[in-house]
Amino acid sequence: METSLHRQLKLHYAPSAEQTEVSVDGFRIDAIADSGELIEIQHASLGALRDKTRKLLHRTRHQLRIVKPLIARKRLVTLNRRGGSVLRSRLSPKREESLDLFLDLVHFATVFPRRRLTLEIVLIEAEEIRLDRQRPTRRGKKHRTLDQQLVEVLESIELRTKRDLLAQLPIQALPSPFDTAELAAALARPRWFAQKVAYCLRHTGAVKSAGKRGHSQLYQLPAARRTAA
């Protein structure tokens, strides 16, 4: 079932409700902007849009914008019953940031970058409405989510090229060549995360393989790009 958050984001990009959930050249599209740009808002994995993106850009001449919302701040609101009063409200300790895009981009790296495609990271504040479960699920989940609502759009980052992707990373802090341990240290993230970032960079052509150091794969920027930096 569509959440309020998804509906609100569609209206954030479309000039009116009539320009949401429309059919364009046989494709179902979330929204159409004033400029005619097609908008797809993807809360789930970007991989689910991989084939659709490839086909749409091949078969049509439209500009396509894929919006990936990341919840930078979320308030958890628990009701006593559906439509009832608030039992408790608190901020979630979980906060997403722009770097978290790479967790999902690994499923989309064979499609991005591409002509007429914009990948937009939208950092948002949201509110999640919950009900307590009388009996927790087998996984111990003690609540049921009723809805998510948009509170505020905090920041938007547009990615169109490999250079845009590299701009999200502390490239200047890395040696040349570098391995994923050095990338992890520069990102202040675990090495498994750095390995996903390196995968994305290699498959999008932002970096190239540069041999090995022991058992570690090495990467480096194309010479022209590092010189330009």
Protein backbone atom coordinates (compact mmCIF):
# COMPACT_ATOMS: atom_id res chain seq x y z
CA MET A 1 0.00 0.00 0.00
CA GLU A 2 1.30 3.46 -0.90
CA THR A 3 2.46 5.56 2.03
CA SER A 4 1.70 9.23 2.60
CA LEU A 5 5.44 9.83 2.21
CA HIS A 6 5.40 8.48 -1.34
CA ARG A 7 2.35 10.57 -2.28
CA GLN A 8 3.88 13.70 -0.75
CA LEU A 9 7.14 13.25 -2.63
CA LYS A 10 5.29 12.79 -5.92
CA LEU A 11 3.53 16.11 -5.34
CA HIS A 12 6.86 17.69 -4.40
CA TYR A 13 8.01 17.13 -7.99
CA ALA A 14 4.78 17.25 -9.99
CA PRO A 15 2.90 20.53 -10.60
CA SER A 16 -0.43 18.86 -9.71
CA ALA A 17 -1.97 15.55 -8.70
CA GLU A 18 -3.04 15.07 -12.34
CA GLN A 19 0.64 14.77 -13.24
CA THR A 20 1.19 11.80 -10.92
CA GLU A 21 0.74 8.10 -11.68
CA VAL A 22 0.61 8.62 -15.43
CA SER A 23 1.31 6.39 -18.42
CA VAL A 24 4.08 7.53 -20.78
CA ASP A 25 4.91 5.49 -23.87
CA GLY A 26 3.65 2.35 -22.17
CA PHE A 27 5.52 2.99 -18.90
CA ARG A 28 3.81 3.76 -15.59
CA ILE A 29 5.53 6.84 -14.14
CA ASP A 30 5.25 8.29 -10.62
CA ALA A 31 5.22 11.93 -11.72
CA ILE A 32 5.99 14.35 -14.54
CA ALA A 33 7.68 17.67 -13.78
CA ASP A 34 6.80 21.00 -15.43
CA SER A 35 9.78 20.52 -17.74
CA GLY A 36 8.43 17.17 -18.95
CA GLU A 37 11.09 15.23 -17.03
CA LEU A 38 9.86 11.84 -15.82
CA ILE A 39 10.15 11.23 -12.08
CA GLU A 40 10.44 7.86 -10.38
CA ILE A 41 10.57 7.85 -6.56
CA GLN A 42 12.22 4.72 -5.23
CA HIS A 43 12.08 3.93 -1.51
CA ALA A 44 12.92 0.26 -2.13
CA SER A 45 16.01 -1.12 -3.86
CA LEU A 46 17.23 0.73 -6.93
CA GLY A 47 17.77 -2.68 -8.45
CA ALA A 48 14.00 -2.96 -8.93
CA LEU A 49 14.22 -0.06 -11.40
CA ARG A 50 17.30 -1.29 -13.26
CA ASP A 51 15.54 -2.94 -16.21
CA LYS A 52 12.81 -0.31 -16.41
CA THR A 53 15.42 2.46 -16.52
CA ARG A 54 17.39 0.75 -19.26
CA LYS A 55 14.29 0.14 -21.40
CA LEU A 56 12.78 3.58 -20.84
CA LEU A 57 15.94 5.45 -21.80
CA HIS A 58 16.45 3.20 -24.84
CA ARG A 59 12.88 3.36 -26.15
CA THR A 60 12.07 7.02 -25.44
CA ARG A 61 13.79 10.40 -25.62
CA HIS A 62 12.59 11.56 -22.20
CA GLN A 63 14.76 12.85 -19.38
CA LEU A 64 14.44 10.58 -16.36
CA ARG A 65 15.01 11.48 -12.71
CA ILE A 66 15.16 8.72 -10.12
CA VAL A 67 14.66 10.07 -6.61
CA LYS A 68 16.14 8.06 -3.76
CA PRO A 69 14.84 9.29 -0.37
CA LEU A 70 17.11 8.75 2.63
CA ILE A 71 15.67 9.42 6.07
CA ALA A 72 18.16 11.65 7.87
CA ARG A 73 15.83 12.19 10.80
CA LYS A 74 12.76 10.19 11.81
CA ARG A 75 10.25 10.60 14.61
CA LEU A 76 8.52 7.43 15.80
CA VAL A 77 4.95 8.03 16.91
CA THR A 78 3.04 5.19 18.56
CA LEU A 79 -0.76 5.41 18.76
CA ASN A 80 -3.05 3.61 21.18
CA ARG A 81 -5.18 2.52 18.21
CA ARG A 82 -5.56 3.36 14.53
CA GLY A 83 -6.69 6.99 14.35
CA GLY A 84 -6.35 7.26 18.14
CA SER A 85 -4.22 9.34 20.48
CA VAL A 86 -0.44 9.33 20.86
CA LEU A 87 0.97 6.91 23.44
CA ARG A 88 4.58 8.00 22.98
CA SER A 89 6.83 9.84 20.56
CA ARG A 90 10.60 9.75 20.18
CA LEU A 91 13.35 10.34 17.64
CA SER A 92 14.78 7.23 16.03
CA PRO A 93 18.51 6.71 16.66
CA LYS A 94 18.88 5.52 13.07
CA ARG A 95 19.95 8.31 10.71
CA GLU A 96 20.75 7.87 7.05
CA GLU A 97 23.23 10.08 5.20
CA SER A 98 24.18 10.62 1.58
CA LEU A 99 26.93 7.99 1.71
CA ASP A 100 24.30 5.33 2.37
CA LEU A 101 23.33 5.60 -1.29
CA PHE A 102 26.22 3.23 -2.05
CA LEU A 103 24.47 0.44 -0.12
CA ASP A 104 21.81 0.52 -2.83
CA LEU A 105 23.86 1.69 -5.81
CA VAL A 106 25.57 -1.72 -5.95
CA HIS A 107 22.31 -2.96 -7.53
CA PHE A 108 22.19 -0.09 -10.04
CA ALA A 109 25.85 0.42 -10.99
CA THR A 110 25.40 -1.22 -14.40
CA VAL A 111 22.86 1.45 -15.35
CA PHE A 112 24.38 4.62 -13.87
CA PRO A 113 25.63 6.93 -15.29
CA ARG A 114 23.65 7.22 -18.51
CA ARG A 115 22.58 10.02 -20.83
CA ARG A 116 19.31 11.70 -19.83
CA LEU A 117 19.41 10.08 -16.38
CA THR A 118 19.62 11.98 -13.08
CA LEU A 119 19.91 10.16 -9.79
CA GLU A 120 18.82 12.42 -6.95
CA ILE A 121 19.51 11.72 -3.30
CA VAL A 122 16.91 13.43 -1.12
CA LEU A 123 17.65 13.64 2.59
CA ILE A 124 14.39 14.04 4.45
CA GLU A 125 12.80 14.26 7.86
CA ALA A 126 9.92 11.83 8.26
CA GLU A 127 7.39 10.68 10.81
CA GLU A 128 6.52 7.02 11.21
CA ILE A 129 3.13 6.12 12.69
CA ARG A 130 3.02 2.83 14.61
CA LEU A 131 0.80 0.55 16.63
CA ASP A 132 2.09 -1.78 19.34
CA ARG A 133 1.60 -5.47 18.59
CA GLN A 134 -0.22 -7.55 21.16
CA ARG A 135 2.02 -10.45 20.23
CA PRO A 136 5.51 -9.81 18.79
CA THR A 137 6.37 -11.55 15.52
CA ARG A 138 8.84 -14.43 15.32
CA ARG A 139 11.56 -11.89 14.62
CA GLY A 140 10.64 -10.04 17.79
CA LYS A 141 9.05 -7.07 16.04
CA LYS A 142 6.90 -5.36 18.67
CA HIS A 143 5.19 -2.81 16.46
CA ARG A 144 3.30 -2.51 13.19
CA THR A 145 3.94 0.47 10.91
CA LEU A 146 0.76 2.19 9.75
CA ASP A 147 2.22 4.99 7.66
CA GLN A 148 5.18 7.23 6.98
CA GLN A 149 4.78 10.96 6.39
CA LEU A 150 7.08 13.64 5.01
CA VAL A 151 7.95 16.39 7.47
CA GLU A 152 10.62 18.26 5.53
CA VAL A 153 13.05 17.95 2.62
CA LEU A 154 16.42 18.74 4.19
CA GLU A 155 18.86 18.42 1.29
CA SER A 156 18.99 17.32 -2.32
CA ILE A 157 22.05 16.02 -4.19
CA GLU A 158 21.94 15.43 -7.95
CA LEU A 159 24.18 12.82 -9.57
CA ARG A 160 24.56 12.68 -13.35
CA THR A 161 28.18 11.72 -13.99
CA LYS A 162 31.02 9.68 -12.56
CA ARG A 163 32.54 12.94 -11.39
CA ASP A 164 29.38 13.69 -9.37
CA LEU A 165 29.72 10.29 -7.73
CA LEU A 166 33.36 10.88 -6.83
CA ALA A 167 32.45 14.29 -5.39
CA GLN A 168 30.58 12.50 -2.59
CA LEU A 169 33.82 10.87 -1.42
CA PRO A 170 37.05 12.16 0.20
CA ILE A 171 39.10 11.27 -2.87
CA GLN A 172 41.87 13.77 -2.03
CA ALA A 173 42.51 11.93 1.25
CA LEU A 174 43.35 8.69 -0.57
CA PRO A 175 46.74 7.55 -1.84
CA SER A 176 47.15 6.44 -5.43
CA PRO A 177 46.53 3.62 -5.80
CA PHE A 178 44.32 2.78 -2.79
CA ASP A 179 42.71 -0.32 -1.36
CA THR A 180 39.42 -0.74 0.48
CA ALA A 181 41.11 -0.57 3.90
CA GLU A 182 42.38 2.92 3.05
CA LEU A 183 39.00 3.86 1.60
CA ALA A 184 37.27 2.64 4.77
CA ALA A 185 39.58 4.78 6.92
CA ALA A 186 38.90 7.86 4.77
CA LEU A 187 35.14 7.28 4.98
CA ALA A 188 35.19 6.36 8.69
CA ARG A 189 33.12 3.32 7.76
CA PRO A 190 33.69 -0.46 8.03
CA ARG A 191 35.69 -2.16 5.32
CA TRP A 192 32.64 -4.10 4.06
CA PHE A 193 31.02 -0.73 3.30
CA ALA A 194 34.15 0.48 1.50
CA GLN A 195 34.06 -2.68 -0.61
CA LYS A 196 30.56 -1.77 -1.80
CA VAL A 197 31.72 1.76 -2.61
CA ALA A 198 34.70 0.40 -4.56
CA TYR A 199 32.40 -1.96 -6.46
CA CYS A 200 30.18 0.96 -7.46
CA LEU A 201 33.13 3.12 -8.50
CA ARG A 202 34.65 0.36 -10.60
CA HIS A 203 31.42 -0.65 -12.35
CA THR A 204 30.48 2.96 -13.12
CA GLY A 205 33.97 3.58 -14.51
CA ALA A 206 34.85 6.19 -11.89
CA VAL A 207 37.99 4.24 -10.91
CA LYS A 208 39.92 1.42 -12.52
CA SER A 209 41.66 -1.65 -11.15
CA ALA A 210 45.38 -1.16 -10.48
CA GLY A 211 46.64 -4.61 -9.56
CA LYS A 212 47.02 -5.99 -6.05
CA ARG A 213 48.92 -5.35 -2.84
CA GLY A 214 49.14 -8.73 -1.17
CA HIS A 215 45.56 -10.02 -1.22
CA SER A 216 44.02 -6.53 -1.51
CA GLN A 217 42.67 -5.21 -4.81
CA LEU A 218 44.01 -1.75 -5.66
CA TYR A 219 42.10 1.06 -7.37
CA GLN A 220 43.04 4.38 -8.90
CA LEU A 221 41.42 7.29 -10.67
CA PRO A 222 41.94 7.59 -14.42
CA ALA A 223 45.05 9.74 -14.85
CA ALA A 224 43.28 12.70 -16.47
CA ARG A 225 40.74 12.90 -13.67
CA ARG A 226 43.34 12.79 -10.90
CA THR A 227 45.37 15.49 -12.69
CA ALA A 228 42.26 17.65 -13.05
CA ALA A 229 41.50 17.21 -9.34
